[in-house]
């Protein structure tokens, strides 16, 4: 069981800002609105005389068939010499995640039923979310609340046909590997997992309740409004979701602010070396008051929206 949890954690790490394994189900046909969508996802550029970095806000899993590559995006993929992503799924990274999950769940938490960790009005939704997995309720009783949130989210996405192996990051990684171009990971996923384990129980409960609300509100096999808005380049659709008031102080600092600060510093340093770079991280990092472009501006770097 810890191995399955580690797999879920690995899949979730690249999509932490969303909060919210087995074979995917076959998906229903896209709605007419989704099928007619002309993709134009948001892209920014920072540049000087010899360095250009394209900033692409991704979504970590998509319903099958939803188009997201605009002509501008295809051109950027072709000409970029280097890809930067949040994390990479490698054998070494998986070993570290396995070890971290083992440390987190061994020994298991005190007998504290998972249903007792959420508000009474959320318990029916949590029961339904658990029934959508292959696991019994007791399996979730024996793990920290944040881990339960990750496992539920990944299992639910898989059953809705959202296969990360065909998602945005996976598609970009395959394209760059095909042409033997370098790929850089910004984070050690196991370190992020350990940081999440350090969240207070109140913050973990908030994360778990947000996850089960998302699961309850999602229509199976169909794009959500956020999917369509992302593909159209509508960044405002994320602004309300990625704010301190929505996530709470601990989650906001861990998932958004601290990472954005670190990545803004990384981008500032990377501008000192020549080249063309595609920097692809979750769209939530480009929304809200501490969005990456705003933090870059504080460092004297202006990001220009190019799509």
Protein backbone atom coordinates (compact mmCIF):
# COMPACT_ATOMS: atom_id res chain seq x y z
CA UNK A 1 0.00 0.00 0.00
CA UNK A 2 2.76 2.57 0.73
CA UNK A 3 4.02 1.99 -2.83
CA UNK A 4 0.60 2.93 -4.21
CA UNK A 5 0.58 5.98 -1.98
CA UNK A 6 4.03 6.91 -3.24
CA UNK A 7 2.82 6.64 -6.83
CA UNK A 8 -0.11 8.92 -6.04
CA UNK A 9 2.18 11.35 -4.25
CA UNK A 10 4.58 11.42 -7.20
CA UNK A 11 1.75 12.17 -9.61
CA UNK A 12 0.34 14.83 -7.31
CA UNK A 13 3.63 16.63 -6.67
CA UNK A 14 3.70 18.20 -10.12
CA UNK A 15 0.19 19.52 -9.54
CA UNK A 16 0.46 20.77 -5.97
CA UNK A 17 -0.94 24.17 -6.77
CA UNK A 18 -4.17 22.57 -7.91
CA UNK A 19 -4.62 21.02 -4.44
CA UNK A 20 -7.07 19.79 -6.18
CA UNK A 21 -3.39 4.85 -10.68
CA UNK A 22 -4.69 2.60 -12.45
CA UNK A 23 -5.84 2.73 -16.02
CA UNK A 24 -7.93 5.70 -17.06
CA UNK A 25 -11.50 5.21 -18.12
CA UNK A 26 -12.45 5.93 -21.70
CA UNK A 27 -13.74 9.47 -21.97
CA UNK A 28 -17.00 10.70 -23.38
CA UNK A 29 -16.82 12.97 -26.45
CA UNK A 30 -15.94 16.58 -25.73
CA UNK A 31 -18.78 19.04 -25.38
CA UNK A 32 -19.45 21.24 -28.45
CA UNK A 33 -17.94 24.21 -26.61
CA UNK A 34 -14.74 22.30 -25.84
CA UNK A 35 -14.53 20.78 -29.31
CA UNK A 36 -14.84 24.21 -30.94
CA UNK A 37 -12.23 25.81 -28.69
CA UNK A 38 -9.37 27.57 -30.43
CA UNK A 39 -6.47 27.16 -27.98
CA UNK A 40 -4.55 30.23 -26.87
CA UNK A 41 -3.00 29.47 -23.46
CA UNK A 42 -1.26 32.29 -21.60
CA UNK A 43 2.44 32.77 -22.32
CA UNK A 44 4.77 35.50 -21.09
CA UNK A 45 8.32 36.38 -22.13
CA UNK A 46 11.28 37.85 -20.29
CA UNK A 47 14.29 38.74 -22.41
CA UNK A 48 17.52 40.67 -22.75
CA UNK A 49 20.12 40.86 -25.53
CA UNK A 50 21.04 37.18 -25.50
CA UNK A 51 18.47 35.41 -23.28
CA UNK A 52 14.79 34.70 -23.83
CA UNK A 53 12.68 32.81 -21.34
CA UNK A 54 9.06 31.95 -22.15
CA UNK A 55 6.85 31.56 -19.08
CA UNK A 56 4.03 29.09 -19.60
CA UNK A 57 1.34 28.50 -16.98
CA UNK A 58 0.36 24.86 -17.36
CA UNK A 59 -2.46 22.73 -16.06
CA UNK A 60 -1.18 19.40 -14.83
CA UNK A 61 -3.92 17.14 -16.11
CA UNK A 62 -6.54 17.59 -18.80
CA UNK A 63 -9.59 15.74 -20.07
CA UNK A 64 -8.66 13.62 -23.10
CA UNK A 65 -8.97 15.43 -26.40
CA UNK A 66 -8.84 19.00 -25.10
CA UNK A 67 -6.56 20.95 -27.44
CA UNK A 68 -4.03 23.33 -25.91
CA UNK A 69 -1.22 23.87 -28.44
CA UNK A 70 -1.69 27.16 -30.26
CA UNK A 71 0.50 28.03 -33.27
CA UNK A 72 2.57 30.31 -31.02
CA UNK A 73 2.99 27.52 -28.47
CA UNK A 74 4.14 25.08 -31.14
CA UNK A 75 6.70 27.57 -32.39
CA UNK A 76 8.04 28.17 -28.87
CA UNK A 77 8.39 24.43 -28.27
CA UNK A 78 10.31 24.07 -31.52
CA UNK A 79 12.79 26.87 -30.91
CA UNK A 80 13.37 26.54 -27.14
CA UNK A 81 16.72 25.00 -26.26
CA UNK A 82 15.91 24.05 -22.68
CA UNK A 83 12.81 23.04 -20.71
CA UNK A 84 12.25 23.85 -17.04
CA UNK A 85 9.48 22.09 -15.06
CA UNK A 86 8.49 21.82 -11.42
CA UNK A 87 9.69 18.25 -10.92
CA UNK A 88 10.68 15.17 -12.91
CA UNK A 89 9.57 11.58 -12.44
CA UNK A 90 12.85 9.64 -12.52
CA UNK A 91 13.87 6.37 -10.82
CA UNK A 92 15.96 8.34 -8.32
CA UNK A 93 13.08 10.74 -7.59
CA UNK A 94 10.70 7.79 -7.15
CA UNK A 95 13.09 6.15 -4.67
CA UNK A 96 13.21 9.34 -2.62
CA UNK A 97 9.42 9.62 -2.69
CA UNK A 98 9.04 5.96 -1.66
CA UNK A 99 11.36 6.54 1.30
CA UNK A 100 9.53 9.73 2.30
CA UNK A 101 6.11 8.05 2.15
CA UNK A 102 7.42 5.10 4.19
CA UNK A 103 8.69 7.51 6.84
CA UNK A 104 5.40 9.39 6.90
CA UNK A 105 3.10 6.37 7.24
CA UNK A 106 5.35 4.15 9.41
CA UNK A 107 4.28 4.03 12.13
CA UNK A 108 0.79 4.92 11.05
CA UNK A 109 -1.05 7.79 12.68
CA UNK A 110 -3.08 7.10 15.81
CA UNK A 111 -6.48 5.62 15.15
CA UNK A 112 -8.25 8.73 13.96
CA UNK A 113 -10.96 7.91 11.45
CA UNK A 114 -10.60 9.95 8.29
CA UNK A 115 -14.29 10.93 8.43
CA UNK A 116 -13.77 12.55 11.83
CA UNK A 117 -11.16 14.92 10.40
CA UNK A 118 -13.57 16.91 8.24
CA UNK A 119 -16.62 18.99 9.09
CA UNK A 120 -19.82 16.94 9.54
CA UNK A 121 -21.37 18.41 6.39
CA UNK A 122 -18.36 17.22 4.35
CA UNK A 123 -18.45 13.59 5.49
CA UNK A 124 -20.91 12.27 2.90
CA UNK A 125 -18.82 13.82 0.11
CA UNK A 126 -15.69 12.27 1.60
CA UNK A 127 -17.38 8.85 1.73
CA UNK A 128 -18.34 9.16 -1.93
CA UNK A 129 -14.81 10.20 -2.89
CA UNK A 130 -13.37 7.17 -1.07
CA UNK A 131 -15.84 4.84 -2.80
CA UNK A 132 -14.44 6.05 -6.16
CA UNK A 133 -11.02 4.62 -5.23
CA UNK A 134 -9.85 1.02 -4.93
CA UNK A 135 -9.14 1.49 -1.23
CA UNK A 136 -11.23 0.80 1.90
CA UNK A 137 -11.98 3.61 4.32
CA UNK A 138 -9.53 2.11 6.85
CA UNK A 139 -6.70 2.72 4.37
CA UNK A 140 -7.27 6.48 4.66
CA UNK A 141 -7.61 6.25 8.46
CA UNK A 142 -3.93 5.23 8.59
CA UNK A 143 -2.43 8.20 6.78
CA UNK A 144 -1.96 11.92 7.42
CA UNK A 145 -4.76 14.12 6.14
CA UNK A 146 -2.61 15.81 3.49
CA UNK A 147 -1.66 12.40 2.07
CA UNK A 148 -5.31 11.38 1.96
CA UNK A 149 -5.98 14.55 -0.03
CA UNK A 150 -3.26 13.70 -2.57
CA UNK A 151 -4.35 10.09 -2.98
CA UNK A 152 -8.02 11.02 -3.41
CA UNK A 153 -7.20 13.71 -5.98
CA UNK A 154 -4.98 11.51 -8.13
CA UNK A 155 -7.29 8.50 -7.98
CA UNK A 156 -10.25 10.66 -8.95
CA UNK A 157 -8.41 12.25 -11.88
CA UNK A 158 -7.40 8.83 -13.16
CA UNK A 159 -10.98 7.56 -13.04
CA UNK A 160 -12.14 10.64 -14.92
CA UNK A 161 -9.71 9.85 -17.74
CA UNK A 162 -7.20 12.55 -16.78
CA UNK A 163 -3.98 10.71 -17.53
CA UNK A 164 -0.94 12.80 -16.62
CA UNK A 165 1.13 10.67 -18.99
CA UNK A 166 -0.70 12.54 -21.77
CA UNK A 167 -0.83 15.86 -19.95
CA UNK A 168 0.92 19.14 -20.65
CA UNK A 169 4.20 18.55 -18.82
CA UNK A 170 4.49 14.96 -20.05
CA UNK A 171 3.94 16.13 -23.64
CA UNK A 172 6.59 18.83 -23.31
CA UNK A 173 9.08 16.46 -21.67
CA UNK A 174 8.65 13.91 -24.47
CA UNK A 175 9.17 16.59 -27.11
CA UNK A 176 12.41 17.81 -25.54
CA UNK A 177 13.73 14.31 -24.88
CA UNK A 178 13.00 13.35 -28.48
CA UNK A 179 15.47 15.99 -29.63
CA UNK A 180 17.90 15.43 -26.74
CA UNK A 181 17.38 18.92 -25.33
CA UNK A 182 18.07 19.50 -21.61
CA UNK A 183 15.27 19.38 -19.04
CA UNK A 184 15.67 20.91 -15.59
CA UNK A 185 13.56 20.24 -12.48
CA UNK A 186 13.10 23.14 -10.07
CA UNK A 187 12.24 21.01 -7.05
CA UNK A 188 12.97 17.78 -5.26
CA UNK A 189 9.46 16.41 -4.93
CA UNK A 190 10.25 14.38 -1.81
CA UNK A 191 11.38 17.56 -0.02
CA UNK A 192 8.05 19.23 -0.85
CA UNK A 193 6.26 16.14 0.50
CA UNK A 194 8.16 16.44 3.78
CA UNK A 195 7.22 20.11 4.02
CA UNK A 196 3.57 19.22 3.54
CA UNK A 197 3.86 16.66 6.32
CA UNK A 198 4.87 19.54 8.57
CA UNK A 199 1.61 21.42 8.00
CA UNK A 200 -0.66 21.81 11.01
CA UNK A 201 -3.64 19.49 11.19
CA UNK A 202 -5.91 22.47 10.61
CA UNK A 203 -4.14 23.28 7.34
CA UNK A 204 -4.25 19.62 6.29
CA UNK A 205 -7.97 19.47 7.05
CA UNK A 206 -8.49 22.57 4.91
CA UNK A 207 -6.61 20.86 2.07
CA UNK A 208 -8.63 17.66 2.41
CA UNK A 209 -11.96 19.51 2.46
CA UNK A 210 -10.97 21.54 -0.60
CA UNK A 211 -10.08 18.34 -2.45
CA UNK A 212 -13.37 16.59 -1.71
CA UNK A 213 -15.30 19.73 -2.70
CA UNK A 214 -13.47 19.79 -6.03
CA UNK A 215 -14.23 16.09 -6.57
CA UNK A 216 -17.92 16.62 -5.80
CA UNK A 217 -18.17 19.59 -8.17
CA UNK A 218 -16.37 18.01 -11.14
CA UNK A 219 -18.40 16.53 -13.99
CA UNK A 220 -16.83 13.19 -14.98
CA UNK A 221 -15.08 13.06 -18.37
CA UNK A 222 -15.80 16.68 -19.24
CA UNK A 223 -13.63 19.81 -19.11
CA UNK A 224 -14.29 22.09 -16.16
CA UNK A 225 -14.66 25.82 -16.65
CA UNK A 226 -11.08 26.19 -15.40
CA UNK A 227 -9.84 23.81 -18.14
CA UNK A 228 -11.53 25.82 -20.87
CA UNK A 229 -10.50 29.15 -19.36
CA UNK A 230 -6.90 27.98 -19.14
CA UNK A 231 -6.90 26.85 -22.77
CA UNK A 232 -8.30 30.26 -23.82
CA UNK A 233 -5.62 32.10 -21.85
CA UNK A 234 -8.05 33.50 -19.29
CA UNK A 235 -5.77 33.95 -16.27
CA UNK A 236 -8.43 35.76 -14.22
CA UNK A 237 -10.24 32.45 -13.74
CA UNK A 238 -7.48 31.40 -11.32
CA UNK A 239 -7.16 34.64 -9.36
CA UNK A 240 -9.81 33.84 -6.76
CA UNK A 241 -8.46 30.32 -6.17
CA UNK A 242 -4.81 31.14 -5.50
CA UNK A 243 -5.10 33.71 -2.73
CA UNK A 244 -4.16 33.62 0.93
CA UNK A 245 -7.81 34.10 1.92
CA UNK A 246 -8.80 30.98 -0.03
CA UNK A 247 -5.94 28.64 0.91
CA UNK A 248 -5.08 29.81 4.42
CA UNK A 249 -1.70 31.11 5.56
CA UNK A 250 0.21 27.82 5.78
CA UNK A 251 -0.91 26.36 2.46
CA UNK A 252 -0.52 29.66 0.66
CA UNK A 253 3.03 30.17 1.89
CA UNK A 254 4.05 26.58 1.12
CA UNK A 255 2.34 26.08 -2.21
CA UNK A 256 2.41 29.58 -3.71
CA UNK A 257 4.48 32.31 -2.07
CA UNK A 258 7.66 30.46 -1.09
CA UNK A 259 7.86 28.61 -4.39
CA UNK A 260 7.19 31.75 -6.44
CA UNK A 261 9.93 33.60 -4.58
CA UNK A 262 12.40 30.77 -5.16
CA UNK A 263 11.48 30.52 -8.84
CA UNK A 264 11.70 34.28 -9.36
CA UNK A 265 15.22 34.12 -7.93
CA UNK A 266 16.02 31.20 -10.23
CA UNK A 267 14.76 33.10 -13.27
CA UNK A 268 16.70 36.21 -12.25
CA UNK A 269 19.90 34.14 -12.10
CA UNK A 270 19.13 32.29 -15.34
CA UNK A 271 18.90 35.58 -17.25
CA UNK A 272 22.68 35.90 -16.81
CA UNK A 273 23.26 33.02 -19.24
CA UNK A 274 22.34 33.10 -22.95
CA UNK A 275 19.77 30.80 -24.53
CA UNK A 276 16.10 30.25 -25.23
CA UNK A 277 14.22 28.58 -22.37
CA UNK A 278 10.66 27.30 -21.91
CA UNK A 279 9.74 27.64 -18.23
CA UNK A 280 6.56 25.60 -17.64
CA UNK A 281 4.95 25.55 -14.17
CA UNK A 282 1.37 25.48 -12.92
CA UNK A 283 -0.95 28.26 -14.04
CA UNK A 284 -1.75 29.07 -10.41
CA UNK A 285 1.73 30.55 -10.06
CA UNK A 286 0.75 33.28 -12.53
CA UNK A 287 -2.39 34.28 -10.62
CA UNK A 288 -3.12 36.32 -7.53
CA UNK A 289 -1.21 39.03 -5.68
CA UNK A 290 2.10 37.12 -5.57
CA UNK A 291 2.09 35.96 -9.19
CA UNK A 292 5.48 35.21 -10.74
CA UNK A 293 5.36 38.21 -13.13
CA UNK A 294 4.80 40.54 -10.16
CA UNK A 295 7.69 39.06 -8.20
CA UNK A 296 9.93 39.32 -11.26
CA UNK A 297 9.00 42.98 -11.59
CA UNK A 298 10.22 43.50 -8.01
CA UNK A 299 13.57 42.14 -9.20
CA UNK A 300 13.71 44.53 -12.15
CA UNK A 301 12.52 42.00 -14.76
CA UNK A 302 9.37 42.76 -16.75
CA UNK A 303 7.35 39.86 -18.14
CA UNK A 304 5.49 40.69 -21.35
CA UNK A 305 2.36 38.70 -22.27
CA UNK A 306 2.91 37.31 -25.77
CA UNK A 307 -0.22 35.12 -25.96
